[in-house]
Amino acid sequence: MFAYEFENPKFIVSHVKIEHDEKGNGRIWFKKQDFEVDETESIQISAHIMERLEALWGELAYLSDGVRHQSEERDYGHLGTMTLTVNRDGVKRTDSFNWTENSKAKDLTDEYKKISNQFIWVFDMEVARKNQPLEAPRIMKSIDSYIRRDSISDPEQLLPYLRKLQDDERIPLIARNHAGRLVERIEKSRKD
């Protein structure tokens, strides 16, 4: 079992926890500002991203090195605390930090942030589709921004969902057209 957790009560998304197995099956828990309880969703991390995560965990040698990843020189607690946990073959290790100089630990937490961005965005869009369709254009802008900034783990994994949004008459036409443009951009980047 692999786990990533982020906490900062001052952020809009104040708590995120991702747990998954070696095949990418798992769950995400997250709490948004003004929500009383965590939302929980099942997730399936794509094989492509699982390969990247396995490589990052391997490079970090997390179970065997025992190194604390918190920077001794810098403390950025106001930016939130990240916790990485591995539980494999009866051996468990957990380490929390708010800043690290270890580039491999940073890359790993960045990848988990991208995964959380992706799945929380899908949740937000589902809420908009069912309850607040006029929010869909704003939410489409956010995924566009995430994709442009490389802040989504696997844009290709979103293609089926974006195609579904393209044809969903519950959301405004501007959001459906935006979904179509994103599909084209993701498919074009896949060919390049």
Foldseek 3Di string as FASTA:
>chain_A
DKKKWKAALVAQFGIWMWDDDLQQWTKIWIDGPPDPGIDMDTDRDDPVLSVVLVVLCVVVVVQPPPDAFADPVDADCNQIKMKIWDQPPNGIDIHIYDDGPPVSVVVNVQLVQQCVVVVVLVVVCVCCLVPNQACLVVSLVVVVVCVVVVSHNDLVVCLVVLCVLLPRPSHDNNNNVSSVVSNVVNVVVVVD
